[in-house]
N, C-alpha and C. Protein backbone atom coordinates (compact mmCIF):
# COMPACT_ATOMS: atom_id res chain seq x y z
N MET A 1 20.64 22.62 -8.54
CA MET A 1 20.34 21.23 -7.56
C MET A 1 19.24 22.32 -6.90
N ALA A 2 20.08 23.25 -6.04
CA ALA A 2 19.28 24.33 -5.46
C ALA A 2 17.62 23.86 -5.75
N GLY A 3 17.24 24.30 -6.82
CA GLY A 3 15.95 24.53 -7.69
C GLY A 3 14.30 23.63 -7.90
N THR A 4 15.76 22.15 -7.29
CA THR A 4 14.54 21.03 -7.62
C THR A 4 13.99 20.67 -7.00
N ARG A 5 14.59 21.01 -4.89
CA ARG A 5 13.91 21.10 -4.22
C ARG A 5 12.49 21.67 -2.68
N GLU A 6 11.50 21.26 -3.41
CA GLU A 6 9.84 21.86 -2.45
C GLU A 6 10.62 22.55 -1.02
N THR A 7 9.93 23.83 -1.13
CA THR A 7 10.29 24.54 0.05
C THR A 7 8.94 24.31 1.65
N LYS A 8 9.16 24.53 2.55
CA LYS A 8 8.16 23.67 2.99
C LYS A 8 6.84 24.57 2.46
N GLN A 9 6.58 25.99 2.79
CA GLN A 9 5.61 26.61 2.39
C GLN A 9 4.64 25.88 0.89
N GLN A 10 6.07 25.69 0.24
CA GLN A 10 5.19 24.50 -1.81
C GLN A 10 4.46 23.95 -0.55
N ALA A 11 5.14 22.71 -0.27
CA ALA A 11 4.86 21.42 0.34
C ALA A 11 3.31 21.18 1.53
N GLY A 12 3.59 22.29 1.94
CA GLY A 12 2.42 22.06 2.92
C GLY A 12 2.84 22.30 4.00
N GLY A 13 3.75 22.40 4.74
CA GLY A 13 4.73 22.03 5.75
C GLY A 13 3.35 23.57 6.49
N THR A 14 4.49 23.19 7.89
CA THR A 14 4.40 24.21 8.85
C THR A 14 5.22 24.74 9.07
N GLU A 15 5.91 26.14 9.89
CA GLU A 15 6.81 26.43 10.30
C GLU A 15 7.84 25.27 11.21
N GLY A 16 6.83 24.66 12.08
CA GLY A 16 7.88 23.97 12.47
C GLY A 16 8.51 22.78 12.66
N GLN A 17 8.07 22.22 11.31
CA GLN A 17 7.91 21.18 10.38
C GLN A 17 9.27 20.72 10.52
N SER A 18 10.48 19.55 10.46
CA SER A 18 11.44 20.59 9.48
C SER A 18 12.06 18.99 8.25
N ARG A 19 11.26 17.93 8.71
CA ARG A 19 11.69 16.83 7.32
C ARG A 19 10.79 17.21 6.36
N PRO A 20 10.98 17.16 5.58
CA PRO A 20 9.82 16.74 4.58
C PRO A 20 8.69 15.70 3.94
N ALA A 21 8.38 15.78 3.01
CA ALA A 21 6.83 15.25 2.90
C ALA A 21 7.24 14.17 2.91
N ARG A 22 6.91 12.67 2.89
CA ARG A 22 7.02 11.44 2.16
C ARG A 22 6.01 11.12 1.07
N ARG A 23 6.83 10.39 0.58
CA ARG A 23 5.28 10.19 -0.52
C ARG A 23 5.07 8.54 -0.34
N VAL A 24 4.20 8.78 -0.84
CA VAL A 24 3.12 7.41 -0.10
C VAL A 24 2.72 6.64 -1.32
N GLN A 25 3.73 5.36 -0.74
CA GLN A 25 3.46 3.68 -1.99
C GLN A 25 2.20 3.09 -2.50
N VAL A 26 1.31 3.23 -3.30
CA VAL A 26 0.04 2.61 -3.62
C VAL A 26 -0.07 1.37 -3.90
N LYS A 27 -0.91 0.66 -3.94
CA LYS A 27 -1.08 -0.83 -4.32
C LYS A 27 -2.27 -1.34 -4.92
N VAL A 28 -2.83 -1.86 -5.46
CA VAL A 28 -3.70 -2.62 -5.26
C VAL A 28 -3.94 -3.61 -5.82
N GLY A 29 -4.35 -4.50 -4.53
CA GLY A 29 -3.97 -5.97 -4.83
C GLY A 29 -5.70 -6.65 -3.96
N LYS A 30 -5.83 -8.08 -4.26
CA LYS A 30 -7.24 -8.73 -3.80
C LYS A 30 -6.82 -9.75 -2.22
N VAL A 31 -7.71 -9.30 -1.54
CA VAL A 31 -8.18 -10.01 -0.20
C VAL A 31 -7.74 -11.37 -0.27
N VAL A 32 -7.14 -11.64 -0.01
CA VAL A 32 -7.57 -13.74 0.13
C VAL A 32 -6.94 -13.95 1.47
N SER A 33 -7.36 -13.51 2.85
CA SER A 33 -7.74 -13.63 4.23
C SER A 33 -8.72 -12.10 4.84
N ASN A 34 -9.08 -12.72 5.96
CA ASN A 34 -9.84 -11.48 6.83
C ASN A 34 -10.15 -12.15 8.57
N LYS A 35 -9.58 -12.99 8.51
CA LYS A 35 -9.91 -13.86 10.16
C LYS A 35 -9.15 -12.68 10.54
N MET A 36 -8.59 -11.86 10.82
CA MET A 36 -7.98 -11.44 12.13
C MET A 36 -8.18 -9.95 12.21
N GLN A 37 -8.88 -9.69 13.99
CA GLN A 37 -9.63 -8.17 13.62
C GLN A 37 -8.66 -6.90 13.27
N LYS A 38 -9.05 -6.65 12.98
CA LYS A 38 -9.27 -5.18 12.18
C LYS A 38 -8.07 -5.01 10.70
N THR A 39 -7.10 -6.49 10.39
CA THR A 39 -6.34 -6.44 9.43
C THR A 39 -6.71 -7.37 8.74
N VAL A 40 -6.35 -7.16 7.14
CA VAL A 40 -6.40 -8.59 6.07
C VAL A 40 -5.43 -8.46 5.68
N ILE A 41 -5.22 -10.28 4.97
CA ILE A 41 -3.79 -9.85 3.64
C ILE A 41 -4.21 -9.62 2.42
N VAL A 42 -3.20 -8.64 1.81
CA VAL A 42 -3.34 -8.40 0.06
C VAL A 42 -3.31 -9.03 -0.61
N THR A 43 -3.19 -10.59 -1.70
CA THR A 43 -1.79 -10.19 -2.13
C THR A 43 -1.54 -9.29 -2.98
N VAL A 44 -1.27 -9.11 -3.68
CA VAL A 44 -0.12 -7.91 -5.26
C VAL A 44 0.28 -8.78 -5.73
N GLU A 45 -0.24 -8.66 -7.25
CA GLU A 45 -0.06 -9.51 -8.75
C GLU A 45 1.60 -8.67 -9.21
N ASN A 46 2.82 -9.01 -9.69
CA ASN A 46 3.48 -7.67 -10.37
C ASN A 46 4.10 -9.38 -11.57
N THR A 47 3.92 -8.43 -12.52
CA THR A 47 5.15 -9.02 -13.57
C THR A 47 6.68 -8.56 -13.83
N THR A 48 7.22 -9.21 -13.77
CA THR A 48 8.62 -9.00 -14.19
C THR A 48 8.83 -10.00 -15.39
N THR A 49 10.11 -9.71 -15.89
CA THR A 49 10.73 -10.23 -16.82
C THR A 49 12.27 -11.15 -16.69
N HIS A 50 12.42 -12.07 -16.75
CA HIS A 50 13.12 -13.35 -16.54
C HIS A 50 14.31 -12.91 -16.63
N ARG A 51 15.87 -12.75 -15.83
CA ARG A 51 16.76 -12.75 -16.64
C ARG A 51 17.41 -12.93 -17.85
N LEU A 52 17.61 -14.33 -17.93
CA LEU A 52 17.61 -15.07 -18.90
C LEU A 52 17.28 -15.39 -19.43
N TYR A 53 15.72 -16.24 -19.64
CA TYR A 53 15.21 -16.26 -20.80
C TYR A 53 14.21 -15.18 -21.41
N HIS A 54 13.83 -14.15 -20.80
CA HIS A 54 13.49 -12.85 -21.19
C HIS A 54 11.42 -13.39 -21.34
N ARG A 55 11.33 -13.79 -20.73
CA ARG A 55 9.58 -14.18 -20.22
C ARG A 55 9.37 -13.94 -19.08
N TYR A 56 7.96 -13.44 -19.22
CA TYR A 56 7.30 -12.32 -17.93
C TYR A 56 6.66 -13.70 -17.35
N MET A 57 7.09 -12.76 -16.09
CA MET A 57 6.86 -13.80 -14.82
C MET A 57 5.87 -13.41 -14.31
N LYS A 58 5.44 -13.82 -13.41
CA LYS A 58 3.87 -13.15 -12.16
C LYS A 58 4.93 -13.53 -10.85
N LYS A 59 4.44 -12.54 -10.29
CA LYS A 59 5.47 -12.73 -8.63
C LYS A 59 4.32 -11.96 -8.09
N THR A 60 3.70 -12.81 -6.86
CA THR A 60 3.18 -12.56 -5.89
C THR A 60 4.09 -11.61 -4.40
N SER A 61 2.92 -10.51 -4.16
CA SER A 61 3.45 -10.34 -2.66
C SER A 61 2.37 -10.40 -1.77
N LYS A 62 2.57 -10.70 -0.21
CA LYS A 62 1.14 -10.79 0.36
C LYS A 62 1.33 -9.07 1.67
N PHE A 63 0.53 -9.02 1.57
CA PHE A 63 1.09 -7.31 2.79
C PHE A 63 -0.05 -7.50 3.50
N ALA A 64 0.47 -7.12 4.87
CA ALA A 64 -1.36 -7.49 6.04
C ALA A 64 -1.35 -6.02 6.28
N ALA A 65 -2.95 -5.51 5.90
CA ALA A 65 -3.26 -4.29 6.03
C ALA A 65 -4.17 -3.87 7.05
N HIS A 66 -3.99 -2.57 7.39
CA HIS A 66 -5.08 -2.40 9.08
C HIS A 66 -6.40 -2.73 7.97
N ASP A 67 -7.20 -2.51 8.89
CA ASP A 67 -8.96 -2.50 8.01
C ASP A 67 -9.63 -1.97 8.80
N ALA A 68 -9.99 -0.76 10.01
CA ALA A 68 -10.12 -0.71 11.00
C ALA A 68 -11.91 -0.47 11.14
N GLU A 69 -12.54 -0.72 9.84
CA GLU A 69 -13.94 -0.95 10.44
C GLU A 69 -14.16 -2.31 9.48
N ASN A 70 -13.26 -3.46 9.09
CA ASN A 70 -13.48 -4.47 9.16
C ASN A 70 -14.76 -4.24 8.02
N ARG A 71 -14.45 -3.30 6.38
CA ARG A 71 -15.42 -3.83 6.27
C ARG A 71 -14.83 -4.83 4.55
N CYS A 72 -13.98 -5.26 5.12
CA CYS A 72 -13.15 -6.17 3.04
C CYS A 72 -13.81 -7.55 3.69
N GLN A 73 -13.70 -8.30 2.06
CA GLN A 73 -14.67 -9.43 2.06
C GLN A 73 -13.31 -10.47 1.94
N VAL A 74 -13.10 -11.26 2.12
CA VAL A 74 -12.22 -12.36 0.92
C VAL A 74 -13.12 -12.28 -1.00
N GLY A 75 -11.96 -12.11 -1.49
CA GLY A 75 -11.99 -11.63 -2.60
C GLY A 75 -11.97 -10.36 -3.72
N ASP A 76 -12.61 -9.00 -2.20
CA ASP A 76 -12.79 -8.19 -2.66
C ASP A 76 -10.82 -7.32 -3.62
N LEU A 77 -11.32 -6.32 -4.13
CA LEU A 77 -10.00 -5.36 -4.77
C LEU A 77 -9.89 -4.38 -4.00
N VAL A 78 -8.69 -4.40 -3.58
CA VAL A 78 -9.15 -2.92 -2.73
C VAL A 78 -7.13 -2.48 -2.73
N GLU A 79 -7.66 -1.38 -1.75
CA GLU A 79 -6.20 -0.14 -2.67
C GLU A 79 -6.13 -0.19 -1.40
N ILE A 80 -4.48 -0.26 -1.74
CA ILE A 80 -3.83 -0.31 0.00
C ILE A 80 -2.87 1.01 0.10
N VAL A 81 -1.95 1.13 0.68
CA VAL A 81 -1.28 2.52 0.99
C VAL A 81 -0.50 2.65 2.50
N SER A 82 1.13 3.01 1.98
CA SER A 82 2.27 2.68 2.88
C SER A 82 1.67 3.47 4.35
N SER A 83 2.63 3.11 5.20
CA SER A 83 1.47 3.85 6.70
C SER A 83 3.22 3.49 7.73
N ARG A 84 2.98 4.69 9.05
CA ARG A 84 4.14 3.77 9.45
C ARG A 84 3.58 2.21 10.51
N PRO A 85 4.94 2.36 10.25
CA PRO A 85 3.97 1.05 11.62
C PRO A 85 3.42 0.66 12.61
N LEU A 86 2.64 -0.16 11.33
CA LEU A 86 1.26 0.10 13.32
C LEU A 86 0.97 -1.25 14.31
N SER A 87 2.00 -2.15 13.68
CA SER A 87 1.88 -3.32 14.13
C SER A 87 3.49 -4.17 13.85
N HIS A 88 3.93 -5.70 13.87
CA HIS A 88 5.22 -6.73 14.03
C HIS A 88 4.93 -6.26 12.70
N SER A 89 4.06 -6.70 11.79
CA SER A 89 3.74 -7.35 10.16
C SER A 89 2.98 -6.18 9.49
N LYS A 90 1.95 -4.68 10.29
CA LYS A 90 1.73 -3.57 9.57
C LYS A 90 2.01 -2.67 9.30
N ARG A 91 2.31 -2.38 7.76
CA ARG A 91 2.81 -0.88 7.20
C ARG A 91 2.03 -0.63 6.17
N TRP A 92 0.61 -1.05 6.07
CA TRP A 92 0.14 -0.66 5.28
C TRP A 92 -1.68 -0.55 5.88
N ARG A 93 -2.98 0.75 4.49
CA ARG A 93 -3.37 0.59 5.46
C ARG A 93 -4.49 0.56 4.20
N VAL A 94 -5.52 0.22 4.44
CA VAL A 94 -6.55 -0.01 3.39
C VAL A 94 -7.23 1.19 2.58
N ARG A 95 -7.23 1.64 1.61
CA ARG A 95 -7.86 3.25 1.60
C ARG A 95 -9.27 2.53 0.75
N GLU A 96 -9.50 2.10 0.49
CA GLU A 96 -10.50 2.14 -0.05
C GLU A 96 -10.50 0.26 -0.87
N VAL A 97 -12.46 -0.07 -0.87
CA VAL A 97 -12.52 -0.97 -1.30
C VAL A 97 -12.98 -1.04 -3.21
N LEU A 98 -12.25 -1.12 -3.63
CA LEU A 98 -12.57 -1.12 -5.47
C LEU A 98 -13.63 -1.55 -6.06
N LYS A 99 -13.69 -3.11 -5.67
CA LYS A 99 -14.53 -3.91 -6.48
C LYS A 99 -14.76 -5.29 -5.17
N ARG A 100 -16.04 -5.21 -4.73
CA ARG A 100 -16.41 -5.96 -4.67
C ARG A 100 -17.09 -7.55 -4.38
N ALA A 101 -16.28 -8.82 -3.97
CA ALA A 101 -17.11 -9.89 -4.37
C ALA A 101 -18.08 -10.35 -4.47
N GLU A 102 -17.98 -11.33 -5.55
CA GLU A 102 -19.27 -11.95 -5.65
C GLU A 102 -20.14 -12.95 -4.54
């Protein structure tokens, strides 16, 4: 089991860093609200199967994401990444706008 773990130098860490590099979550969703300053609300759709009926269901989740330059508009398709807590509800940052709304 000792061979499965990365060393600090392989992970690109510094000598004083004690914890391993964390994995960043990435999600793609649509902007549904940009009424706040530097914050957008992004909905992400997931398909899951029903446990009893074995049918596909769409589940939507809303995430508050940090948009530092206020570049997102309602209807844009964006990529968000997890980050440290920025406020009470913001734990995501907008990485890039994939497709602009028309």
